[in-house]
Amino acid sequence: LSALPPRFSRCPIPTCSARSSVLRASPPRGPPGQIKSQQSEVTRILDGKNIKYELVDISQDNALREEMRAKAGNPKAIPPQIVNGDHYCGDYELFVEAVEQNTLQEFLKLA
């Protein structure tokens, strides 16, 4: 996974690493479209900064959902959650804060 970008939840989930990140995502729950909107904003920002990432869909896989929650350290965590390899970066709010403070590289553990 180190060769991949950050991971994200996709229901999808983003994941990141210098190599790449992962974004964990899932279908909208709670306020209508909130998760989807947040996921779209995260991917838009990462795309705009040319940061590679992997979207991981947790919507149909309980094991992936539990892995996301374990990495987040929160049994009720919802997407999007950002992970770089085995390193948990944070949730949507922390991502936005890093963007606003111009510390995204550090947040994603790419610096």
PDB file of N, CA and C in Angstrom:
ATOM      1  N   LEU A   1       0.824  -1.199   0.000  1.00  0.00           N
ATOM      2  CA  LEU A   1       0.000   0.000   0.000  1.00  0.00           C
ATOM      3  C   LEU A   1       0.858   1.249   0.000  1.00  0.00           C
ATOM      4  N   SER A   2       2.130   1.124   0.345  1.00  0.00           N
ATOM      5  CA  SER A   2       2.971   2.307   0.397  1.00  0.00           C
ATOM      6  C   SER A   2       3.146   2.933  -0.978  1.00  0.00           C
ATOM      7  N   ALA A   3       2.962   2.166  -2.022  1.00  0.00           N
ATOM      8  CA  ALA A   3       3.105   2.707  -3.365  1.00  0.00           C
ATOM      9  C   ALA A   3       1.823   3.389  -3.829  1.00  0.00           C
ATOM     10  N   LEU A   4       0.778   3.264  -3.056  1.00  0.00           N
ATOM     11  CA  LEU A   4      -0.493   3.871  -3.419  1.00  0.00           C
ATOM     12  C   LEU A   4      -0.641   5.229  -2.768  1.00  0.00           C
ATOM     13  N   PRO A   5      -1.545   6.037  -3.300  1.00  0.00           N
ATOM     14  CA  PRO A   5      -1.822   7.336  -2.695  1.00  0.00           C
ATOM     15  C   PRO A   5      -2.635   7.172  -1.420  1.00  0.00           C
ATOM     16  N   PRO A   6      -2.960   8.272  -0.741  1.00  0.00           N
ATOM     17  CA  PRO A   6      -3.765   8.194   0.472  1.00  0.00           C
ATOM     18  C   PRO A   6      -5.085   7.486   0.203  1.00  0.00           C
ATOM     19  N   ARG A   7      -5.618   6.835   1.204  1.00  0.00           N
ATOM     20  CA  ARG A   7      -6.881   6.115   1.033  1.00  0.00           C
ATOM     21  C   ARG A   7      -8.017   6.940   1.613  1.00  0.00           C
ATOM     22  N   PHE A   8      -9.164   6.845   0.965  1.00  0.00           N
ATOM     23  CA  PHE A   8     -10.367   7.523   1.431  1.00  0.00           C
ATOM     24  C   PHE A   8     -11.511   6.531   1.437  1.00  0.00           C
ATOM     25  N   SER A   9     -12.521   6.815   2.205  1.00  0.00           N
ATOM     26  CA  SER A   9     -13.692   5.973   2.214  1.00  0.00           C
ATOM     27  C   SER A   9     -14.463   6.273   0.964  1.00  0.00           C
ATOM     28  N   ARG A  10     -14.836   5.270   0.295  1.00  0.00           N
ATOM     29  CA  ARG A  10     -15.629   5.524  -0.890  1.00  0.00           C
ATOM     30  C   ARG A  10     -16.878   4.762  -0.782  1.00  0.00           C
ATOM     31  N   CYS A  11     -17.178   4.890   0.103  1.00  0.00           N
ATOM     32  CA  CYS A  11     -18.386   4.294  -0.193  1.00  0.00           C
ATOM     33  C   CYS A  11     -18.592   5.173  -1.329  1.00  0.00           C
ATOM     34  N   PRO A  12     -17.143   5.867  -1.124  1.00  0.00           N
ATOM     35  CA  PRO A  12     -15.710   5.629  -1.178  1.00  0.00           C
ATOM     36  C   PRO A  12     -14.946   6.252  -0.015  1.00  0.00           C
ATOM     37  N   ILE A  13     -13.759   5.731   0.207  1.00  0.00           N
ATOM     38  CA  ILE A  13     -12.884   6.261   1.254  1.00  0.00           C
ATOM     39  C   ILE A  13     -11.577   6.717   0.641  1.00  0.00           C
ATOM     40  N   PRO A  14     -11.114   7.942   0.904  1.00  0.00           N
ATOM     41  CA  PRO A  14      -9.812   8.324   0.374  1.00  0.00           C
ATOM     42  C   PRO A  14      -8.682   7.822   1.240  1.00  0.00           C
ATOM     43  N   THR A  15      -7.586   7.507   0.652  1.00  0.00           N
ATOM     44  CA  THR A  15      -6.358   7.142   1.354  1.00  0.00           C
ATOM     45  C   THR A  15      -5.229   7.926   0.737  1.00  0.00           C
ATOM     46  N   CYS A  16      -4.256   8.386   1.506  1.00  0.00           N
ATOM     47  CA  CYS A  16      -3.168   9.173   0.920  1.00  0.00           C
ATOM     48  C   CYS A  16      -1.799   8.688   1.330  1.00  0.00           C
ATOM     49  N   SER A  17      -0.838   8.930   0.464  1.00  0.00           N
ATOM     50  CA  SER A  17       0.556   8.733   0.821  1.00  0.00           C
ATOM     51  C   SER A  17       1.380   9.414  -0.231  1.00  0.00           C
ATOM     52  N   ALA A  18       2.606   9.714   0.029  1.00  0.00           N
ATOM     53  CA  ALA A  18       3.410  10.480  -0.921  1.00  0.00           C
ATOM     54  C   ALA A  18       3.391   9.657  -2.118  1.00  0.00           C
ATOM     55  N   ARG A  19       3.336   8.661  -1.765  1.00  0.00           N
ATOM     56  CA  ARG A  19       3.080   7.651  -2.701  1.00  0.00           C
ATOM     57  C   ARG A  19       1.608   7.784  -2.961  1.00  0.00           C
ATOM     58  N   SER A  20       0.762   7.805  -1.949  1.00  0.00           N
ATOM     59  CA  SER A  20      -0.653   8.027  -2.175  1.00  0.00           C
ATOM     60  C   SER A  20      -1.439   8.017  -0.887  1.00  0.00           C
ATOM     61  N   SER A  21      -2.701   8.375  -0.968  1.00  0.00           N
ATOM     62  CA  SER A  21      -3.574   8.416   0.198  1.00  0.00           C
ATOM     63  C   SER A  21      -4.810   7.568  -0.050  1.00  0.00           C
ATOM     64  N   VAL A  22      -5.513   7.262   1.030  1.00  0.00           N
ATOM     65  CA  VAL A  22      -6.744   6.478   0.900  1.00  0.00           C
ATOM     66  C   VAL A  22      -7.895   7.246   1.519  1.00  0.00           C
ATOM     67  N   LEU A  23      -8.987   7.298   0.831  1.00  0.00           N
ATOM     68  CA  LEU A  23     -10.185   7.958   1.330  1.00  0.00           C
ATOM     69  C   LEU A  23     -11.255   6.897   1.513  1.00  0.00           C
ATOM     70  N   ARG A  24     -11.774   6.780   2.722  1.00  0.00           N
ATOM     71  CA  ARG A  24     -12.830   5.809   3.004  1.00  0.00           C
ATOM     72  C   ARG A  24     -14.162   6.534   2.872  1.00  0.00           C
ATOM     73  N   ALA A  25     -15.052   5.938   2.131  1.00  0.00           N
ATOM     74  CA  ALA A  25     -16.327   6.606   1.893  1.00  0.00           C
ATOM     75  C   ALA A  25     -17.486   5.630   1.937  1.00  0.00           C
ATOM     76  N   SER A  26     -18.699   6.176   1.910  1.00  0.00           N
ATOM     77  CA  SER A  26     -19.877   5.331   1.899  1.00  0.00           C
ATOM     78  C   SER A  26     -21.070   6.137   1.432  1.00  0.00           C
ATOM     79  N   PRO A  27     -22.178   5.442   1.176  1.00  0.00           N
ATOM     80  CA  PRO A  27     -23.360   6.155   0.701  1.00  0.00           C
ATOM     81  C   PRO A  27     -23.824   7.158   1.750  1.00  0.00           C
ATOM     82  N   PRO A  28     -24.472   8.195   1.318  1.00  0.00           N
ATOM     83  CA  PRO A  28     -24.917   9.226   2.253  1.00  0.00           C
ATOM     84  C   PRO A  28     -25.819   8.682   3.354  1.00  0.00           C
ATOM     85  N   ARG A  29     -25.530   9.106   4.579  1.00  0.00           N
ATOM     86  CA  ARG A  29     -26.352   8.798   5.747  1.00  0.00           C
ATOM     87  C   ARG A  29     -26.448  10.108   6.522  1.00  0.00           C
ATOM     88  N   GLY A  30     -27.318  10.145   7.490  1.00  0.00           N
ATOM     89  CA  GLY A  30     -27.427  11.373   8.261  1.00  0.00           C
ATOM     90  C   GLY A  30     -28.029  12.455   7.386  1.00  0.00           C
ATOM     91  N   PRO A  31     -27.549  13.693   7.581  1.00  0.00           N
ATOM     92  CA  PRO A  31     -28.092  14.781   6.766  1.00  0.00           C
ATOM     93  C   PRO A  31     -27.950  14.426   5.287  1.00  0.00           C
ATOM     94  N   PRO A  32     -29.001  14.603   4.512  1.00  0.00           N
ATOM     95  CA  PRO A  32     -28.991  14.212   3.100  1.00  0.00           C
ATOM     96  C   PRO A  32     -27.774  14.726   2.339  1.00  0.00           C
ATOM     97  N   GLY A  33     -27.037  13.790   1.784  1.00  0.00           N
ATOM     98  CA  GLY A  33     -25.914  14.140   0.938  1.00  0.00           C
ATOM     99  C   GLY A  33     -24.680  14.684   1.620  1.00  0.00           C
ATOM    100  N   GLN A  34     -24.688  14.791   2.947  1.00  0.00           N
ATOM    101  CA  GLN A  34     -23.547  15.393   3.640  1.00  0.00           C
ATOM    102  C   GLN A  34     -22.260  14.603   3.409  1.00  0.00           C
ATOM    103  N   ILE A  35     -22.308  13.292   3.550  1.00  0.00           N
ATOM    104  CA  ILE A  35     -21.103  12.477   3.370  1.00  0.00           C
ATOM    105  C   ILE A  35     -20.623  12.578   1.931  1.00  0.00           C
ATOM    106  N   LYS A  36     -21.540  12.455   0.998  1.00  0.00           N
ATOM    107  CA  LYS A  36     -21.162  12.539  -0.417  1.00  0.00           C
ATOM    108  C   LYS A  36     -20.553  13.898  -0.729  1.00  0.00           C
ATOM    109  N   SER A  37     -21.129  14.950  -0.211  1.00  0.00           N
ATOM    110  CA  SER A  37     -20.621  16.301  -0.431  1.00  0.00           C
ATOM    111  C   SER A  37     -19.212  16.458   0.140  1.00  0.00           C
ATOM    112  N   GLN A  38     -18.999  15.942   1.351  1.00  0.00           N
ATOM    113  CA  GLN A  38     -17.676  16.022   1.975  1.00  0.00           C
ATOM    114  C   GLN A  38     -16.656  15.219   1.175  1.00  0.00           C
ATOM    115  N   GLN A  39     -17.037  14.023   0.748  1.00  0.00           N
ATOM    116  CA  GLN A  39     -16.140  13.189  -0.055  1.00  0.00           C
ATOM    117  C   GLN A  39     -15.775  13.889  -1.351  1.00  0.00           C
ATOM    118  N   SER A  40     -16.758  14.517  -1.982  1.00  0.00           N
ATOM    119  CA  SER A  40     -16.506  15.231  -3.234  1.00  0.00           C
ATOM    120  C   SER A  40     -15.542  16.385  -3.017  1.00  0.00           C
ATOM    121  N   GLU A  41     -15.702  17.097  -1.912  1.00  0.00           N
ATOM    122  CA  GLU A  41     -14.802  18.218  -1.633  1.00  0.00           C
ATOM    123  C   GLU A  41     -13.380  17.728  -1.396  1.00  0.00           C
ATOM    124  N   VAL A  42     -13.229  16.644  -0.643  1.00  0.00           N
ATOM    125  CA  VAL A  42     -11.892  16.098  -0.379  1.00  0.00           C
ATOM    126  C   VAL A  42     -11.229  15.676  -1.687  1.00  0.00           C
ATOM    127  N   THR A  43     -11.952  14.940  -2.522  1.00  0.00           N
ATOM    128  CA  THR A  43     -11.347  14.477  -3.777  1.00  0.00           C
ATOM    129  C   THR A  43     -11.048  15.651  -4.708  1.00  0.00           C
ATOM    130  N   ARG A  44     -11.907  16.661  -4.718  1.00  0.00           N
ATOM    131  CA  ARG A  44     -11.672  17.846  -5.550  1.00  0.00           C
ATOM    132  C   ARG A  44     -10.387  18.549  -5.131  1.00  0.00           C
ATOM    133  N   ILE A  45     -10.189  18.693  -3.835  1.00  0.00           N
ATOM    134  CA  ILE A  45      -8.981  19.354  -3.328  1.00  0.00           C
ATOM    135  C   ILE A  45      -7.746  18.522  -3.643  1.00  0.00           C
ATOM    136  N   LEU A  46      -7.817  17.217  -3.401  1.00  0.00           N
ATOM    137  CA  LEU A  46      -6.665  16.358  -3.693  1.00  0.00           C
ATOM    138  C   LEU A  46      -6.339  16.368  -5.183  1.00  0.00           C
ATOM    139  N   ASP A  47      -7.369  16.294  -6.018  1.00  0.00           N
ATOM    140  CA  ASP A  47      -7.147  16.347  -7.468  1.00  0.00           C
ATOM    141  C   ASP A  47      -6.507  17.675  -7.859  1.00  0.00           C
ATOM    142  N   GLY A  48      -7.006  18.764  -7.288  1.00  0.00           N
ATOM    143  CA  GLY A  48      -6.488  20.093  -7.596  1.00  0.00           C
ATOM    144  C   GLY A  48      -5.033  20.272  -7.203  1.00  0.00           C
ATOM    145  N   LYS A  49      -4.603  19.530  -6.193  1.00  0.00           N
ATOM    146  CA  LYS A  49      -3.217  19.611  -5.733  1.00  0.00           C
ATOM    147  C   LYS A  49      -2.370  18.473  -6.298  1.00  0.00           C
ATOM    148  N   ASN A  50      -2.953  17.710  -7.225  1.00  0.00           N
ATOM    149  CA  ASN A  50      -2.256  16.577  -7.855  1.00  0.00           C
ATOM    150  C   ASN A  50      -1.720  15.578  -6.839  1.00  0.00           C
ATOM    151  N   ILE A  51      -2.506  15.327  -5.793  1.00  0.00           N
ATOM    152  CA  ILE A  51      -2.138  14.331  -4.787  1.00  0.00           C
ATOM    153  C   ILE A  51      -2.869  13.042  -5.141  1.00  0.00           C
ATOM    154  N   LYS A  52      -2.109  11.993  -5.342  1.00  0.00           N
ATOM    155  CA  LYS A  52      -2.708  10.703  -5.690  1.00  0.00           C
ATOM    156  C   LYS A  52      -3.414  10.125  -4.469  1.00  0.00           C
ATOM    157  N   TYR A  53      -4.503   9.431  -4.719  1.00  0.00           N
ATOM    158  CA  TYR A  53      -5.247   8.793  -3.631  1.00  0.00           C
ATOM    159  C   TYR A  53      -6.002   7.597  -4.169  1.00  0.00           C
ATOM    160  N   GLU A  54      -6.459   6.780  -3.243  1.00  0.00           N
ATOM    161  CA  GLU A  54      -7.267   5.606  -3.566  1.00  0.00           C
ATOM    162  C   GLU A  54      -8.586   5.752  -2.832  1.00  0.00           C
ATOM    163  N   LEU A  55      -9.688   5.562  -3.526  1.00  0.00           N
ATOM    164  CA  LEU A  55     -10.995   5.564  -2.881  1.00  0.00           C
ATOM    165  C   LEU A  55     -11.338   4.130  -2.514  1.00  0.00           C
ATOM    166  N   VAL A  56     -11.731   3.918  -1.270  1.00  0.00           N
ATOM    167  CA  VAL A  56     -12.089   2.587  -0.796  1.00  0.00           C
ATOM    168  C   VAL A  56     -13.567   2.607  -0.420  1.00  0.00           C
ATOM    169  N   ASP A  57     -14.345   1.760  -1.073  1.00  0.00           N
ATOM    170  CA  ASP A  57     -15.785   1.696  -0.829  1.00  0.00           C
ATOM    171  C   ASP A  57     -16.066   0.770   0.351  1.00  0.00           C
ATOM    172  N   ILE A  58     -16.545   1.348   1.444  1.00  0.00           N
ATOM    173  CA  ILE A  58     -16.840   0.549   2.640  1.00  0.00           C
ATOM    174  C   ILE A  58     -18.326   0.212   2.755  1.00  0.00           C
ATOM    175  N   SER A  59     -19.116   0.655   1.799  1.00  0.00           N
ATOM    176  CA  SER A  59     -20.565   0.513   1.921  1.00  0.00           C
ATOM    177  C   SER A  59     -21.043  -0.931   1.935  1.00  0.00           C
ATOM    178  N   GLN A  60     -20.343  -1.818   1.264  1.00  0.00           N
ATOM    179  CA  GLN A  60     -20.789  -3.201   1.165  1.00  0.00           C
ATOM    180  C   GLN A  60     -19.877  -4.176   1.897  1.00  0.00           C
ATOM    181  N   ASP A  61     -18.894  -3.670   2.622  1.00  0.00           N
ATOM    182  CA  ASP A  61     -17.901  -4.549   3.247  1.00  0.00           C
ATOM    183  C   ASP A  61     -17.715  -4.179   4.718  1.00  0.00           C
ATOM    184  N   ASN A  62     -18.318  -4.989   5.597  1.00  0.00           N
ATOM    185  CA  ASN A  62     -18.225  -4.714   7.033  1.00  0.00           C
ATOM    186  C   ASN A  62     -16.795  -4.731   7.534  1.00  0.00           C
ATOM    187  N   ALA A  63     -15.949  -5.603   6.972  1.00  0.00           N
ATOM    188  CA  ALA A  63     -14.552  -5.682   7.409  1.00  0.00           C
ATOM    189  C   ALA A  63     -13.824  -4.375   7.112  1.00  0.00           C
ATOM    190  N   LEU A  64     -14.050  -3.798   5.933  1.00  0.00           N
ATOM    191  CA  LEU A  64     -13.424  -2.515   5.598  1.00  0.00           C
ATOM    192  C   LEU A  64     -13.960  -1.398   6.482  1.00  0.00           C
ATOM    193  N   ARG A  65     -15.259  -1.440   6.767  1.00  0.00           N
ATOM    194  CA  ARG A  65     -15.863  -0.425   7.635  1.00  0.00           C
ATOM    195  C   ARG A  65     -15.245  -0.494   9.029  1.00  0.00           C
ATOM    196  N   GLU A  66     -15.098  -1.714   9.549  1.00  0.00           N
ATOM    197  CA  GLU A  66     -14.503  -1.882  10.876  1.00  0.00           C
ATOM    198  C   GLU A  66     -13.026  -1.490  10.871  1.00  0.00           C
ATOM    199  N   GLU A  67     -12.323  -1.778   9.771  1.00  0.00           N
ATOM    200  CA  GLU A  67     -10.918  -1.366   9.654  1.00  0.00           C
ATOM    201  C   GLU A  67     -10.815   0.158   9.699  1.00  0.00           C
ATOM    202  N   MET A  68     -11.702   0.843   8.986  1.00  0.00           N
ATOM    203  CA  MET A  68     -11.717   2.304   8.988  1.00  0.00           C
ATOM    204  C   MET A  68     -11.935   2.825  10.404  1.00  0.00           C
ATOM    205  N   ARG A  69     -12.905   2.252  11.097  1.00  0.00           N
ATOM    206  CA  ARG A  69     -13.228   2.709  12.449  1.00  0.00           C
ATOM    207  C   ARG A  69     -12.102   2.414  13.425  1.00  0.00           C
ATOM    208  N   ALA A  70     -11.436   1.274  13.247  1.00  0.00           N
ATOM    209  CA  ALA A  70     -10.300   0.935  14.109  1.00  0.00           C
ATOM    210  C   ALA A  70      -9.159   1.920  13.888  1.00  0.00           C
ATOM    211  N   LYS A  71      -8.872   2.235  12.630  1.00  0.00           N
ATOM    212  CA  LYS A  71      -7.788   3.186  12.336  1.00  0.00           C
ATOM    213  C   LYS A  71      -8.126   4.573  12.868  1.00  0.00           C
ATOM    214  N   ALA A  72      -9.412   4.935  12.828  1.00  0.00           N
ATOM    215  CA  ALA A  72      -9.841   6.234  13.336  1.00  0.00           C
ATOM    216  C   ALA A  72      -9.889   6.250  14.862  1.00  0.00           C
ATOM    217  N   GLY A  73      -9.884   5.062  15.476  1.00  0.00           N
ATOM    218  CA  GLY A  73      -9.980   4.995  16.932  1.00  0.00           C
ATOM    219  C   GLY A  73     -11.354   5.387  17.439  1.00  0.00           C
ATOM    220  N   ASN A  74     -12.369   5.198  16.584  1.00  0.00           N
ATOM    221  CA  ASN A  74     -13.729   5.588  16.932  1.00  0.00           C
ATOM    222  C   ASN A  74     -14.693   4.550  16.354  1.00  0.00           C
ATOM    223  N   PRO A  75     -15.371   3.772  17.212  1.00  0.00           N
ATOM    224  CA  PRO A  75     -16.265   2.723  16.720  1.00  0.00           C
ATOM    225  C   PRO A  75     -17.478   3.243  15.947  1.00  0.00           C
ATOM    226  N   LYS A  76     -17.702   4.557  15.975  1.00  0.00           N
ATOM    227  CA  LYS A  76     -18.840   5.138  15.256  1.00  0.00           C
ATOM    228  C   LYS A  76     -18.400   6.083  14.140  1.00  0.00           C
ATOM    229  N   ALA A  77     -17.114   6.066  13.784  1.00  0.00           N
ATOM    230  CA  ALA A  77     -16.594   6.962  12.741  1.00  0.00           C
ATOM    231  C   ALA A  77     -17.340   6.743  11.431  1.00  0.00           C
ATOM    232  N   ILE A  78     -17.622   7.849  10.752  1.00  0.00           N
ATOM    233  CA  ILE A  78     -18.265   7.782   9.443  1.00  0.00           C
ATOM    234  C   ILE A  78     -17.336   8.420   8.410  1.00  0.00           C
ATOM    235  N   PRO A  79     -17.489   8.040   7.160  1.00  0.00           N
ATOM    236  CA  PRO A  79     -16.655   8.608   6.101  1.00  0.00           C
ATOM    237  C   PRO A  79     -16.977  10.092   5.890  1.00  0.00           C
ATOM    238  N   PRO A  80     -16.070  10.812   5.301  1.00  0.00           N
ATOM    239  CA  PRO A  80     -14.753  10.342   4.879  1.00  0.00           C
ATOM    240  C   PRO A  80     -13.741  10.356   6.017  1.00  0.00           C
ATOM    241  N   GLN A  81     -12.873   9.356   6.020  1.00  0.00           N
ATOM    242  CA  GLN A  81     -11.739   9.252   6.933  1.00  0.00           C
ATOM    243  C   GLN A  81     -10.503   9.135   6.049  1.00  0.00           C
ATOM    244  N   ILE A  82      -9.434   9.810   6.402  1.00  0.00           N
ATOM    245  CA  ILE A  82      -8.236   9.808   5.567  1.00  0.00           C
ATOM    246  C   ILE A  82      -7.117   9.059   6.272  1.00  0.00           C
ATOM    247  N   VAL A  83      -6.503   8.150   5.514  1.00  0.00           N
ATOM    248  CA  VAL A  83      -5.444   7.283   6.030  1.00  0.00           C
ATOM    249  C   VAL A  83      -4.295   7.312   5.035  1.00  0.00           C
ATOM    250  N   ASN A  84      -3.069   7.312   5.536  1.00  0.00           N
ATOM    251  CA  ASN A  84      -1.893   7.201   4.673  1.00  0.00           C
ATOM    252  C   ASN A  84      -1.163   5.941   5.091  1.00  0.00           C
ATOM    253  N   GLY A  85      -1.309   4.887   4.294  1.00  0.00           N
ATOM    254  CA  GLY A  85      -0.729   3.604   4.680  1.00  0.00           C
ATOM    255  C   GLY A  85      -1.403   3.132   5.950  1.00  0.00           C
ATOM    256  N   ASP A  86      -0.612   2.884   6.992  1.00  0.00           N
ATOM    257  CA  ASP A  86      -1.167   2.476   8.282  1.00  0.00           C
ATOM    258  C   ASP A  86      -1.362   3.660   9.217  1.00  0.00           C
ATOM    259  N   HIS A  87      -1.083   4.864   8.729  1.00  0.00           N
ATOM    260  CA  HIS A  87      -1.170   6.060   9.567  1.00  0.00           C
ATOM    261  C   HIS A  87      -2.500   6.772   9.356  1.00  0.00           C
ATOM    262  N   TYR A  88      -3.250   6.916  10.441  1.00  0.00           N
ATOM    263  CA  TYR A  88      -4.512   7.636  10.383  1.00  0.00           C
ATOM    264  C   TYR A  88      -4.211   9.124  10.325  1.00  0.00           C
ATOM    265  N   CYS A  89      -4.773   9.821   9.340  1.00  0.00           N
ATOM    266  CA  CYS A  89      -4.554  11.263   9.191  1.00  0.00           C
ATOM    267  C   CYS A  89      -5.651  12.061   9.891  1.00  0.00           C
ATOM    268  N   GLY A  90      -6.913  11.679   9.670  1.00  0.00           N
ATOM    269  CA  GLY A  90      -8.004  12.399  10.312  1.00  0.00           C
ATOM    270  C   GLY A  90      -9.292  12.309   9.519  1.00  0.00           C
ATOM    271  N   ASP A  91     -10.284  13.052   9.993  1.00  0.00           N
ATOM    272  CA  ASP A  91     -11.598  13.053   9.358  1.00  0.00           C
ATOM    273  C   ASP A  91     -11.754  14.300   8.484  1.00  0.00           C
ATOM    274  N   TYR A  92     -12.945  14.513   7.997  1.00  0.00           N
ATOM    275  CA  TYR A  92     -13.221  15.635   7.103  1.00  0.00           C
ATOM    276  C   TYR A  92     -12.899  16.981   7.753  1.00  0.00           C
ATOM    277  N   GLU A  93     -13.337  17.174   8.992  1.00  0.00           N
ATOM    278  CA  GLU A  93     -13.125  18.454   9.657  1.00  0.00           C
ATOM    279  C   GLU A  93     -11.635  18.765   9.804  1.00  0.00           C
ATOM    280  N   LEU A  94     -10.847  17.757  10.175  1.00  0.00           N
ATOM    281  CA  LEU A  94      -9.401  17.963  10.309  1.00  0.00           C
ATOM    282  C   LEU A  94      -8.757  18.211   8.945  1.00  0.00           C
ATOM    283  N   PHE A  95      -9.271  17.555   7.912  1.00  0.00           N
ATOM    284  CA  PHE A  95      -8.780  17.770   6.554  1.00  0.00           C
ATOM    285  C   PHE A  95      -8.994  19.225   6.145  1.00  0.00           C
ATOM    286  N   VAL A  96     -10.217  19.729   6.334  1.00  0.00           N
ATOM    287  CA  VAL A  96     -10.546  21.109   5.965  1.00  0.00           C
ATOM    288  C   VAL A  96      -9.686  22.087   6.759  1.00  0.00           C
ATOM    289  N   GLU A  97      -9.500  21.821   8.033  1.00  0.00           N
ATOM    290  CA  GLU A  97      -8.657  22.680   8.869  1.00  0.00           C
ATOM    291  C   GLU A  97      -7.229  22.728   8.315  1.00  0.00           C
ATOM    292  N   ALA A  98      -6.700  21.579   7.905  1.00  0.00           N
ATOM    293  CA  ALA A  98      -5.344  21.526   7.340  1.00  0.00           C
ATOM    294  C   ALA A  98      -5.267  22.321   6.041  1.00  0.00           C
ATOM    295  N   VAL A  99      -6.303  22.241   5.224  1.00  0.00           N
ATOM    296  CA  VAL A  99      -6.331  23.010   3.971  1.00  0.00           C
ATOM    297  C   VAL A  99      -6.328  24.501   4.291  1.00  0.00           C
ATOM    298  N   GLU A 100      -7.176  24.919   5.228  1.00  0.00           N
ATOM    299  CA  GLU A 100      -7.281  26.337   5.590  1.00  0.00           C
ATOM    300  C   GLU A 100      -5.991  26.873   6.196  1.00  0.00           C
ATOM    301  N   GLN A 101      -5.260  26.022   6.924  1.00  0.00           N
ATOM    302  CA  GLN A 101      -4.018  26.449   7.574  1.00  0.00           C
ATOM    303  C   GLN A 101      -2.790  26.187   6.704  1.00  0.00           C
ATOM    304  N   ASN A 102      -3.038  25.718   5.470  1.00  0.00           N
ATOM    305  CA  ASN A 102      -1.950  25.418   4.539  1.00  0.00           C
ATOM    306  C   ASN A 102      -0.971  24.391   5.107  1.00  0.00           C
ATOM    307  N   THR A 103      -1.518  23.373   5.781  1.00  0.00           N
ATOM    308  CA  THR A 103      -0.691  22.305   6.358  1.00  0.00           C
ATOM    309  C   THR A 103      -1.133  20.934   5.842  1.00  0.00           C
ATOM    310  N   LEU A 104      -1.684  20.910   4.629  1.00  0.00           N
ATOM    311  CA  LEU A 104      -2.220  19.661   4.087  1.00  0.00           C
ATOM    312  C   LEU A 104      -1.146  18.590   3.932  1.00  0.00           C
ATOM    313  N   GLN A 105       0.042  18.951   3.461  1.00  0.00           N
ATOM    314  CA  GLN A 105       1.123  17.970   3.287  1.00  0.00           C
ATOM    315  C   GLN A 105       1.452  17.298   4.622  1.00  0.00           C
ATOM    316  N   GLU A 106       1.512  18.081   5.685  1.00  0.00           N
ATOM    317  CA  GLU A 106       1.799  17.528   7.008  1.00  0.00           C
ATOM    318  C   GLU A 106       0.642  16.660   7.488  1.00  0.00           C
ATOM    319  N   PHE A 107      -0.593  17.146   7.281  1.00  0.00           N
ATOM    320  CA  PHE A 107      -1.777  16.389   7.683  1.00  0.00           C
ATOM    321  C   PHE A 107      -1.794  15.014   7.022  1.00  0.00           C
ATOM    322  N   LEU A 108      -1.474  14.984   5.728  1.00  0.00           N
ATOM    323  CA  LEU A 108      -1.485  13.729   4.975  1.00  0.00           C
ATOM    324  C   LEU A 108      -0.224  12.902   5.199  1.00  0.00           C
ATOM    325  N   LYS A 109       0.680  13.425   6.007  1.00  0.00           N
ATOM    326  CA  LYS A 109       1.950  12.755   6.314  1.00  0.00           C
ATOM    327  C   LYS A 109       2.756  12.524   5.037  1.00  0.00           C
ATOM    328  N   LEU A 110       2.739  13.547   4.181  1.00  0.00           N
ATOM    329  CA  LEU A 110       3.486  13.501   2.931  1.00  0.00           C
ATOM    330  C   LEU A 110       4.763  14.328   3.026  1.00  0.00           C
ATOM    331  N   ALA A 111       4.839  15.189   4.044  1.00  0.00           N
ATOM    332  CA  ALA A 111       6.007  16.079   4.183  1.00  0.00           C
ATOM    333  C   ALA A 111       7.067  15.452   5.062  1.00  0.00           C
TER     334      ALA A 111
END
